[in-house]
Amino acid sequence: MKNIEQFIKLEDYEMVCRTYREINRKITLNFAGLQKVKPDVDWFKMRSWMKTEEEECDKAEI
C-alpha cells in the first residue's frame, strides 16, 4: 500500500491502477490462505474495497 501512496503523490495513476489490479488478483487467488495467515484482517471487506478501486480505474479508462 505504500507504493500506491507514493504513486498517488507522483500523480502516476496508471501505476496506481496497475497496483490495485495486482493486489486484487493476489487476494482473489490466495483468499483462503490469507484468511489462515491473517485471520484478524477482514478479507471480504478488503476484497470489496480493492474491487471498488479497480472499478474506478476502469471507469476512468486507466
N, C-alpha and C. Protein backbone atom coordinates (compact mmCIF):
# COMPACT_ATOMS: atom_id res chain seq x y z
N MET A 1 0.82 -1.19 0.00
CA MET A 1 0.00 0.00 0.00
C MET A 1 0.87 1.26 0.00
N LYS A 2 2.10 1.15 0.51
CA LYS A 2 2.98 2.32 0.48
C LYS A 2 3.30 2.72 -0.95
N ASN A 3 3.43 1.73 -1.83
CA ASN A 3 3.68 2.05 -3.23
C ASN A 3 2.53 2.86 -3.81
N ILE A 4 1.31 2.47 -3.49
CA ILE A 4 0.15 3.19 -4.00
C ILE A 4 0.18 4.64 -3.52
N GLU A 5 0.49 4.84 -2.25
CA GLU A 5 0.55 6.19 -1.71
C GLU A 5 1.59 7.03 -2.46
N GLN A 6 2.74 6.42 -2.74
CA GLN A 6 3.80 7.14 -3.45
C GLN A 6 3.38 7.46 -4.89
N PHE A 7 2.75 6.48 -5.55
CA PHE A 7 2.28 6.73 -6.92
C PHE A 7 1.25 7.85 -6.95
N ILE A 8 0.38 7.91 -5.95
CA ILE A 8 -0.62 8.98 -5.88
C ILE A 8 0.08 10.33 -5.71
N LYS A 9 1.08 10.39 -4.84
CA LYS A 9 1.83 11.64 -4.65
C LYS A 9 2.47 12.09 -5.96
N LEU A 10 2.93 11.13 -6.74
CA LEU A 10 3.58 11.44 -8.02
C LEU A 10 2.57 11.62 -9.16
N GLU A 11 1.30 11.43 -8.83
CA GLU A 11 0.21 11.52 -9.81
C GLU A 11 0.40 10.52 -10.95
N ASP A 12 0.95 9.37 -10.63
CA ASP A 12 1.15 8.29 -11.60
C ASP A 12 -0.03 7.31 -11.44
N TYR A 13 -1.16 7.71 -12.00
CA TYR A 13 -2.40 6.95 -11.80
C TYR A 13 -2.41 5.63 -12.57
N GLU A 14 -1.64 5.55 -13.62
CA GLU A 14 -1.53 4.26 -14.32
C GLU A 14 -0.93 3.21 -13.38
N MET A 15 0.10 3.58 -12.66
CA MET A 15 0.72 2.63 -11.73
C MET A 15 -0.17 2.39 -10.51
N VAL A 16 -0.92 3.38 -10.09
CA VAL A 16 -1.88 3.17 -9.00
C VAL A 16 -2.85 2.08 -9.40
N CYS A 17 -3.43 2.21 -10.57
CA CYS A 17 -4.42 1.24 -11.04
C CYS A 17 -3.79 -0.12 -11.29
N ARG A 18 -2.61 -0.13 -11.84
CA ARG A 18 -1.92 -1.40 -12.08
C ARG A 18 -1.68 -2.12 -10.75
N THR A 19 -1.29 -1.37 -9.74
CA THR A 19 -1.03 -1.95 -8.42
C THR A 19 -2.32 -2.45 -7.79
N TYR A 20 -3.42 -1.69 -7.88
CA TYR A 20 -4.71 -2.15 -7.37
C TYR A 20 -5.11 -3.47 -8.02
N ARG A 21 -4.95 -3.55 -9.34
CA ARG A 21 -5.32 -4.78 -10.06
C ARG A 21 -4.49 -5.97 -9.60
N GLU A 22 -3.21 -5.74 -9.42
CA GLU A 22 -2.31 -6.82 -8.97
C GLU A 22 -2.67 -7.28 -7.56
N ILE A 23 -2.91 -6.36 -6.67
CA ILE A 23 -3.30 -6.72 -5.30
C ILE A 23 -4.62 -7.48 -5.31
N ASN A 24 -5.58 -7.00 -6.06
CA ASN A 24 -6.88 -7.65 -6.13
C ASN A 24 -6.75 -9.08 -6.67
N ARG A 25 -5.93 -9.25 -7.69
CA ARG A 25 -5.70 -10.58 -8.25
C ARG A 25 -5.08 -11.51 -7.22
N LYS A 26 -4.10 -11.00 -6.48
CA LYS A 26 -3.44 -11.83 -5.47
C LYS A 26 -4.39 -12.19 -4.33
N ILE A 27 -5.23 -11.25 -3.92
CA ILE A 27 -6.22 -11.55 -2.88
C ILE A 27 -7.17 -12.64 -3.38
N THR A 28 -7.64 -12.50 -4.61
CA THR A 28 -8.56 -13.48 -5.19
C THR A 28 -7.94 -14.86 -5.26
N LEU A 29 -6.71 -14.95 -5.73
CA LEU A 29 -6.04 -16.24 -5.89
C LEU A 29 -5.67 -16.90 -4.57
N ASN A 30 -5.45 -16.10 -3.55
CA ASN A 30 -4.95 -16.63 -2.27
C ASN A 30 -5.90 -16.39 -1.10
N PHE A 31 -7.19 -16.23 -1.39
CA PHE A 31 -8.15 -15.80 -0.38
C PHE A 31 -8.14 -16.71 0.86
N ALA A 32 -8.29 -18.01 0.69
CA ALA A 32 -8.35 -18.92 1.83
C ALA A 32 -7.05 -18.92 2.62
N GLY A 33 -5.94 -18.89 1.92
CA GLY A 33 -4.64 -18.86 2.60
C GLY A 33 -4.44 -17.58 3.39
N LEU A 34 -4.87 -16.46 2.84
CA LEU A 34 -4.75 -15.19 3.55
C LEU A 34 -5.59 -15.20 4.83
N GLN A 35 -6.76 -15.81 4.76
CA GLN A 35 -7.62 -15.90 5.95
C GLN A 35 -6.92 -16.69 7.05
N LYS A 36 -6.18 -17.71 6.69
CA LYS A 36 -5.47 -18.52 7.69
C LYS A 36 -4.26 -17.78 8.26
N VAL A 37 -3.52 -17.09 7.38
CA VAL A 37 -2.30 -16.40 7.79
C VAL A 37 -2.61 -15.13 8.59
N LYS A 38 -3.61 -14.40 8.16
CA LYS A 38 -4.00 -13.14 8.82
C LYS A 38 -5.49 -13.17 9.15
N PRO A 39 -5.88 -13.97 10.15
CA PRO A 39 -7.30 -14.09 10.46
C PRO A 39 -7.92 -12.81 11.03
N ASP A 40 -7.09 -11.88 11.50
CA ASP A 40 -7.59 -10.63 12.06
C ASP A 40 -8.01 -9.63 10.98
N VAL A 41 -7.63 -9.88 9.73
CA VAL A 41 -8.00 -9.00 8.62
C VAL A 41 -9.33 -9.45 8.03
N ASP A 42 -10.21 -8.51 7.79
CA ASP A 42 -11.48 -8.82 7.13
C ASP A 42 -11.22 -8.85 5.63
N TRP A 43 -10.91 -10.02 5.09
CA TRP A 43 -10.54 -10.17 3.68
C TRP A 43 -11.71 -9.94 2.76
N PHE A 44 -12.93 -10.16 3.25
CA PHE A 44 -14.11 -9.87 2.43
C PHE A 44 -14.21 -8.36 2.20
N LYS A 45 -14.00 -7.61 3.27
CA LYS A 45 -14.04 -6.15 3.18
C LYS A 45 -12.88 -5.63 2.32
N MET A 46 -11.70 -6.21 2.53
CA MET A 46 -10.52 -5.79 1.76
C MET A 46 -10.74 -6.06 0.28
N ARG A 47 -11.25 -7.23 -0.06
CA ARG A 47 -11.51 -7.58 -1.46
C ARG A 47 -12.54 -6.64 -2.07
N SER A 48 -13.58 -6.35 -1.30
CA SER A 48 -14.63 -5.44 -1.78
C SER A 48 -14.05 -4.05 -2.05
N TRP A 49 -13.23 -3.56 -1.14
CA TRP A 49 -12.62 -2.24 -1.30
C TRP A 49 -11.70 -2.22 -2.52
N MET A 50 -10.88 -3.27 -2.68
CA MET A 50 -9.96 -3.31 -3.81
C MET A 50 -10.73 -3.41 -5.13
N LYS A 51 -11.81 -4.16 -5.13
CA LYS A 51 -12.62 -4.29 -6.34
C LYS A 51 -13.24 -2.94 -6.72
N THR A 52 -13.70 -2.19 -5.72
CA THR A 52 -14.26 -0.86 -5.96
C THR A 52 -13.21 0.06 -6.57
N GLU A 53 -12.01 0.02 -6.03
CA GLU A 53 -10.93 0.86 -6.56
C GLU A 53 -10.60 0.47 -8.00
N GLU A 54 -10.57 -0.83 -8.25
CA GLU A 54 -10.28 -1.31 -9.60
C GLU A 54 -11.38 -0.87 -10.57
N GLU A 55 -12.62 -0.91 -10.15
CA GLU A 55 -13.73 -0.45 -11.00
C GLU A 55 -13.62 1.03 -11.31
N GLU A 56 -13.18 1.83 -10.34
CA GLU A 56 -12.96 3.25 -10.58
C GLU A 56 -11.89 3.48 -11.64
N CYS A 57 -10.85 2.66 -11.60
CA CYS A 57 -9.80 2.75 -12.62
C CYS A 57 -10.37 2.42 -13.99
N ASP A 58 -11.23 1.39 -14.03
CA ASP A 58 -11.85 1.01 -15.31
C ASP A 58 -12.73 2.13 -15.85
N LYS A 59 -13.50 2.77 -14.96
CA LYS A 59 -14.37 3.88 -15.38
C LYS A 59 -13.55 5.03 -15.95
N ALA A 60 -12.39 5.26 -15.33
CA ALA A 60 -11.51 6.35 -15.78
C ALA A 60 -10.66 5.92 -16.98
N GLU A 61 -10.83 4.66 -17.39
CA GLU A 61 -10.09 4.10 -18.51
C GLU A 61 -8.57 4.20 -18.32
N ILE A 62 -8.18 3.87 -17.10
CA ILE A 62 -6.74 3.88 -16.76
C ILE A 62 -6.27 2.44 -16.72
